[in-house]
Structure formats: C-alpha cells, structure tokens
Amino acid sequence: MFCTKCGSKNSDDSIFCFQCGEQLKKPDSTLENSTIIQNLPRPAGFWIRVIAFILDGVFIFILDIIFSYSFFGEFPFSNTCLLFNFNINIPAMILNSLLKTLYYIGLTGYYGQTFGKMILKLKILNTDGTEISYGTAFLRYCAYILSIIPFCLGFIIVGFRSDKRGFHDILVGTKVIHL
C-alpha cells in the first residue's frame, strides 16, 4: 500500500504511513469489533447451572435406584429416618459414590458436558476455549469439595462474577458456556 501524501510504500496491514505518519486506512470499526464480541460464547450463569445440577441429580438418583436394587436388593437409605438407622448399606453407598464420580468425570472428560448440561446446551471448556481432558474433569470434580466449603460459597460466587466462574472453575482453569 502506498501513502497518498508522500508516496512511500507501506505494508498492507499498516494503518499509518511509516514515513510521514499520514493515516492510510481507518482502524477496524467498532461495528466489526462488536460483532466479534457478540460471537464469543456467553458464560453460563448461576441459575442455569443449578438447574443442570438438579437434572444430573435426578438422573444419578434413577441410576442409583436401578444399580442398588440390581446388586443389593435395596436402596442405600432404605429406612426412612437415618438418625435412628445404624444398618446403612455401606456397599450400596460406595456404589452410589463411585457411580457419581464416574458420571461426572466420564461425561465431562469425554463430552465436556453432563446430561444436565447437554439438555440445557451448556459445555465446560478450558479458559482458552479448548476441550477439557479427563485429567481436568477429575481435578474439577475434586475441586467441588472446596467449592462446597463453607456454605457452597464456591458455587454461589458464579452469580456475582462477570465471567460466571465458580471457585472450582478458577482453581482448574475452566469455564461453562452456552452453546
């Protein structure tokens, strides 16, 4: 690109002439920049993530009933009042914990989504926008413990942060977005 004022040759991506400083072309318009910003994935907020968590809980509950009855003939909490029940089915509880762990880590590591997030069209990504790995899914699941302590504040901060990331997301370097 040549400068119309001094005639110097400039690179095609130059905005100003390197010789005389004359403006060669206008910088990117704000309209183009706003279009780029609008195309960025929108972070998923607190309430939609709560709904996804509830959907996951319902799905895991159904799986737990099926597996517990299949393997042990009863639900892990078969009596109505746990305070007076000292005959809790420990193997069924272990199965339930293993099922939850495999559910969250397996689906999140493979798809970047649990079934609840799939239904609501949400996805977990690394902060740079790349897919998460099984290792990241495992670390994120472990970081849930820190988000729960104290009083689930690590989850609640999602509602107050502009990037909508929970403590577990910050620790592991992930984000949840709308698809």
Foldseek 3Di string as FASTA:
>chain_A
DADPPPGDDDDPPDQADPPPRHGPHDPDDVVVVVVVVVPDFAFDFQPLVVQLVVVLVVVLVVVLQVVCCVPPVAHQCRDDDPVPDPPGDVVSVVVSVVSVLCQQLVCCQPPQDGVSCVVQQKGKDALVRHRHHSVLSNQLVVCQVVCPPPVNVQSVCLNVDNQSHGPSCVVSRMTMGHD
